[in-house]
Amino acid sequence: MTQAKAIFCTAIGTPDDARREIASARESGVLATMHAGGGQVAALDGAGLLGPHLNLVHVNGMTSDEAKLLADTGTGVTVTPIVEATMGHGRSPWSTLRAAGGRAGLGTDVVVNAPPDLFEPMRDTLRQHRMDSGTMHPAADVLAAATIDSARAIGLGGEIGLIETGRRADLILLDGLAPLPGDTDVTGAVVTCLGVPDVHTVIVDGRVVKHDGRLTVLDLPELRRATRRILSVTS
């Protein structure tokens, strides 16, 4: 499994700090992940630091030239469209990277002000891309952004993200769609219609962690009670 290191973005540290940490992570064989915005990509490219050893998060406002650099170097990109819009960071760069031949993964980021799931990010990405491109882009294609494209962005493209022999058994079983005749593809409906209540079973590396809509490895009600007890003591 790929190890990852979150490093200071240039809004917190200096550009030299970021470049030094990216280089250190690459030399150690560790994936570096960093918040970034448009305008930083060219500097990273000039320092020879772009590539699959790096995952840039957000990158709102990046230009088409910056997107081409990221796509050509195989640099991982993760966008979080719901939080980016909620916090005023700007439009998601998913379409910009797509036009340059790259594919961004999807994330949730701050789960205190946005849902902690990928259903709404997928829908938001689909809606925006259809408006940006002026096409009825297939809804089913966006599922890849939450699966294999996200896996590639964080250096796990060979281990997860697809259902294939030899990959880790990370699977989600969904309910909520009526049976359809023949070999009808319902992937598009997963993107446009389903949500958290439709998640029936979750399997992580072959281990069932949720079944019939309930967690199997955690007592969620007890965790909530414990949280309330801690808050009552500290308040």
Protein backbone atom coordinates (compact mmCIF):
# COMPACT_ATOMS: atom_id res chain seq x y z
CA MET A 1 0.00 0.00 0.00
CA THR A 2 1.23 3.50 -0.85
CA GLN A 3 2.22 5.62 2.14
CA ALA A 4 1.19 9.27 2.07
CA LYS A 5 2.37 12.45 3.73
CA ALA A 6 0.25 15.58 3.96
CA ILE A 7 2.49 18.61 3.67
CA PHE A 8 2.05 22.32 4.37
CA CYS A 9 0.52 24.24 1.50
CA THR A 10 2.08 27.55 0.52
CA ALA A 11 -0.74 29.43 2.26
CA ILE A 12 0.68 28.13 5.56
CA GLY A 13 4.35 27.52 4.87
CA THR A 14 6.67 29.02 2.26
CA PRO A 15 7.06 27.81 -1.33
CA ASP A 16 10.55 26.59 -0.39
CA ASP A 17 9.08 24.56 2.49
CA ALA A 18 6.60 22.90 0.15
CA ARG A 19 9.22 22.13 -2.48
CA ARG A 20 11.58 20.70 0.12
CA GLU A 21 8.89 18.44 1.59
CA ILE A 22 7.72 17.21 -1.82
CA ALA A 23 11.30 16.34 -2.78
CA SER A 24 11.85 14.59 0.55
CA ALA A 25 8.67 12.53 0.20
CA ARG A 26 9.59 11.51 -3.35
CA GLU A 27 13.07 10.40 -2.28
CA SER A 28 11.48 8.31 0.50
CA GLY A 29 8.96 6.71 -1.85
CA VAL A 30 6.06 8.41 -0.07
CA LEU A 31 3.14 10.12 -1.79
CA ALA A 32 2.98 13.83 -0.93
CA THR A 33 -0.46 15.44 -0.84
CA MET A 34 -0.89 19.20 -0.69
CA HIS A 35 -3.64 21.81 -0.95
CA ALA A 36 -2.93 23.98 -3.98
CA GLY A 37 -4.48 26.67 -6.13
CA GLY A 38 -4.04 27.96 -9.63
CA GLY A 39 -0.70 29.67 -10.15
CA GLN A 40 1.38 27.16 -8.21
CA VAL A 41 1.59 24.44 -10.85
CA ALA A 42 4.16 26.12 -13.10
CA ALA A 43 6.49 26.73 -10.17
CA LEU A 44 6.29 23.08 -9.14
CA ASP A 45 6.94 22.03 -12.72
CA GLY A 46 9.93 24.37 -12.92
CA ALA A 47 11.36 22.71 -9.83
CA GLY A 48 10.86 19.27 -11.39
CA LEU A 49 8.39 18.23 -8.69
CA LEU A 50 5.29 17.26 -10.68
CA GLY A 51 4.52 13.57 -11.17
CA PRO A 52 2.55 10.62 -9.77
CA HIS A 53 4.40 10.98 -6.44
CA LEU A 54 2.34 14.14 -5.80
CA ASN A 55 -1.40 14.64 -5.20
CA LEU A 56 -2.68 18.21 -5.43
CA VAL A 57 -6.01 18.95 -3.76
CA HIS A 58 -8.46 21.61 -5.05
CA VAL A 59 -6.34 23.51 -7.64
CA ASN A 60 -9.28 25.90 -8.21
CA GLY A 61 -8.56 28.55 -10.80
CA MET A 62 -5.92 26.57 -12.63
CA THR A 63 -5.46 27.47 -16.29
CA SER A 64 -5.67 25.11 -19.24
CA ASP A 65 -1.86 25.25 -19.52
CA GLU A 66 -1.51 24.22 -15.87
CA ALA A 67 -4.02 21.42 -16.42
CA LYS A 68 -1.96 20.18 -19.37
CA LEU A 69 1.16 20.09 -17.19
CA LEU A 70 -0.65 18.03 -14.56
CA ALA A 71 -2.12 15.65 -17.13
CA ASP A 72 1.17 15.18 -19.01
CA THR A 73 3.17 14.49 -15.83
CA GLY A 74 0.59 12.15 -14.31
CA THR A 75 0.29 14.30 -11.21
CA GLY A 76 -2.61 13.24 -9.01
CA VAL A 77 -5.45 15.73 -8.58
CA THR A 78 -8.32 15.49 -6.10
CA VAL A 79 -11.19 17.97 -6.27
CA THR A 80 -13.79 18.54 -3.56
CA PRO A 81 -16.55 20.46 -5.37
CA ILE A 82 -19.08 20.75 -2.53
CA VAL A 83 -16.68 22.22 0.01
CA GLU A 84 -14.94 24.35 -2.62
CA ALA A 85 -18.25 25.97 -3.58
CA THR A 86 -19.46 26.25 0.04
CA MET A 87 -16.26 27.95 1.16
CA GLY A 88 -15.97 30.19 -1.90
CA HIS A 89 -12.81 28.68 -3.36
CA GLY A 90 -14.20 28.81 -6.89
CA ARG A 91 -15.45 26.47 -9.56
CA SER A 92 -14.23 22.90 -9.55
CA PRO A 93 -11.37 22.38 -12.03
CA TRP A 94 -12.61 18.88 -12.95
CA SER A 95 -13.69 19.96 -16.44
CA THR A 96 -10.50 21.94 -17.05
CA LEU A 97 -8.33 18.92 -16.25
CA ARG A 98 -10.60 16.65 -18.27
CA ALA A 99 -10.23 18.89 -21.35
CA ALA A 100 -6.45 18.62 -20.97
CA GLY A 101 -6.56 14.84 -20.98
CA GLY A 102 -6.36 14.32 -17.20
CA ARG A 103 -8.82 12.81 -14.76
CA ALA A 104 -9.30 14.11 -11.23
CA GLY A 105 -10.51 12.08 -8.30
CA LEU A 106 -13.27 13.26 -5.97
CA GLY A 107 -13.03 14.04 -2.26
CA THR A 108 -15.18 15.45 0.53
CA ASP A 109 -12.66 17.53 2.53
CA VAL A 110 -14.33 19.34 5.46
CA VAL A 111 -17.12 17.11 6.72
CA VAL A 112 -18.35 19.62 9.31
CA ASN A 113 -19.91 21.78 6.61
CA ALA A 114 -20.64 19.27 3.85
CA PRO A 115 -21.92 15.67 3.60
CA PRO A 116 -19.18 13.06 4.21
CA ASP A 117 -20.00 11.02 1.11
CA LEU A 118 -19.28 11.09 -2.62
CA PHE A 119 -22.83 10.96 -4.02
CA GLU A 120 -23.39 14.73 -4.05
CA PRO A 121 -19.86 15.49 -5.33
CA MET A 122 -20.55 13.13 -8.24
CA ARG A 123 -23.84 14.85 -9.04
CA ASP A 124 -22.34 18.31 -8.71
CA THR A 125 -19.48 17.31 -11.02
CA LEU A 126 -21.90 15.95 -13.60
CA ARG A 127 -24.10 19.05 -13.55
CA GLN A 128 -21.18 21.47 -13.83
CA HIS A 129 -19.41 19.49 -16.54
CA ARG A 130 -22.55 19.36 -18.65
CA MET A 131 -22.88 23.14 -18.34
CA ASP A 132 -19.17 23.73 -19.00
CA SER A 133 -19.01 21.41 -22.00
CA GLY A 134 -22.46 22.08 -23.42
CA THR A 135 -22.93 18.31 -23.81
CA MET A 136 -25.00 15.60 -22.17
CA HIS A 137 -21.89 13.95 -20.78
CA PRO A 138 -22.73 10.38 -19.72
CA ALA A 139 -23.61 10.24 -16.04
CA ALA A 140 -22.06 6.77 -15.74
CA ASP A 141 -18.60 8.15 -16.60
CA VAL A 142 -18.54 10.26 -13.43
CA LEU A 143 -18.60 7.13 -11.25
CA ALA A 144 -14.98 6.60 -12.28
CA ALA A 145 -14.06 9.88 -10.59
CA ALA A 146 -15.13 8.42 -7.24
CA THR A 147 -13.47 5.04 -7.87
CA ILE A 148 -10.53 4.35 -10.17
CA ASP A 149 -9.63 8.00 -10.81
CA SER A 150 -9.52 8.67 -7.07
CA ALA A 151 -7.41 5.54 -6.56
CA ARG A 152 -4.90 6.70 -9.18
CA ALA A 153 -4.76 10.20 -7.68
CA ILE A 154 -3.48 8.81 -4.38
CA GLY A 155 -1.14 6.22 -5.81
CA LEU A 156 -3.40 3.20 -5.39
CA GLY A 157 -4.47 2.74 -9.00
CA GLY A 158 -3.08 -0.78 -9.09
CA GLU A 159 -4.71 -1.94 -5.85
CA ILE A 160 -8.25 -0.56 -5.62
CA GLY A 161 -10.82 1.30 -7.73
CA LEU A 162 -11.82 -1.56 -10.04
CA ILE A 163 -13.35 -4.99 -9.53
CA GLU A 164 -10.61 -7.25 -10.84
CA THR A 165 -8.81 -10.38 -9.74
CA GLY A 166 -5.82 -9.48 -7.58
CA ARG A 167 -7.16 -6.18 -6.31
CA ARG A 168 -8.25 -5.56 -2.73
CA ALA A 169 -11.90 -6.41 -2.15
CA ASP A 170 -13.21 -2.89 -1.50
CA LEU A 171 -16.86 -3.12 -2.52
CA ILE A 172 -20.11 -1.25 -1.93
CA LEU A 173 -23.47 -2.90 -2.54
CA LEU A 174 -26.27 -0.46 -3.36
CA ASP A 175 -30.02 -0.81 -3.07
CA GLY A 176 -32.74 1.57 -4.22
CA LEU A 177 -33.05 0.77 -7.92
CA ALA A 178 -35.91 -1.26 -9.33
CA PRO A 179 -34.94 -4.39 -11.30
CA LEU A 180 -34.61 -3.64 -15.00
CA PRO A 181 -34.91 -6.07 -17.91
CA GLY A 182 -31.94 -7.66 -19.61
CA ASP A 183 -28.47 -6.19 -19.25
CA THR A 184 -29.65 -2.62 -18.67
CA ASP A 185 -26.78 -0.49 -17.31
CA VAL A 186 -27.84 1.35 -14.15
CA THR A 187 -24.48 3.04 -13.51
CA GLY A 188 -25.82 6.42 -14.56
CA ALA A 189 -28.69 6.09 -12.10
CA VAL A 190 -26.20 5.44 -9.29
CA VAL A 191 -24.66 8.85 -10.01
CA THR A 192 -27.88 10.79 -10.52
CA CYS A 193 -30.31 9.17 -8.07
CA LEU A 194 -28.75 7.25 -5.18
CA GLY A 195 -27.44 8.40 -1.80
CA VAL A 196 -26.27 7.26 1.61
CA PRO A 197 -29.59 5.56 2.55
CA ASP A 198 -29.12 3.26 -0.45
CA VAL A 199 -25.78 1.86 0.78
CA HIS A 200 -26.69 -1.67 1.86
CA THR A 201 -23.26 -3.27 2.41
CA VAL A 202 -19.67 -2.01 2.56
CA ILE A 203 -16.70 -4.38 2.28
CA VAL A 204 -13.19 -3.06 2.95
CA ASP A 205 -10.34 -5.34 1.87
CA GLY A 206 -12.69 -8.32 2.20
CA ARG A 207 -14.00 -7.34 5.62
CA VAL A 208 -17.70 -6.50 5.95
CA VAL A 209 -17.93 -3.23 7.87
CA LYS A 210 -21.56 -2.40 7.06
CA HIS A 211 -24.47 -4.74 6.34
CA ASP A 212 -28.15 -4.08 5.78
CA GLY A 213 -27.53 -0.38 6.35
CA ARG A 214 -25.88 -0.84 9.76
CA LEU A 215 -22.23 -0.70 10.83
CA THR A 216 -20.89 -4.07 11.93
CA VAL A 217 -17.59 -2.95 13.50
CA LEU A 218 -18.71 0.07 15.53
CA ASP A 219 -21.50 0.75 18.00
CA LEU A 220 -22.51 4.13 16.61
CA PRO A 221 -25.19 4.91 19.23
CA GLU A 222 -22.69 4.22 22.01
CA LEU A 223 -20.07 6.41 20.33
CA ARG A 224 -22.59 9.24 20.22
CA ARG A 225 -23.44 8.75 23.89
CA ALA A 226 -19.74 8.73 24.78
CA THR A 227 -19.24 11.95 22.84
CA ARG A 228 -22.06 13.62 24.75
CA ARG A 229 -20.55 12.45 28.05
CA ILE A 230 -17.16 13.92 27.12
CA LEU A 231 -18.74 17.21 26.06
CA SER A 232 -20.68 17.45 29.35
CA VAL A 233 -17.45 17.03 31.31
CA THR A 234 -15.43 19.54 29.28
CA SER A 235 -18.15 22.20 28.92
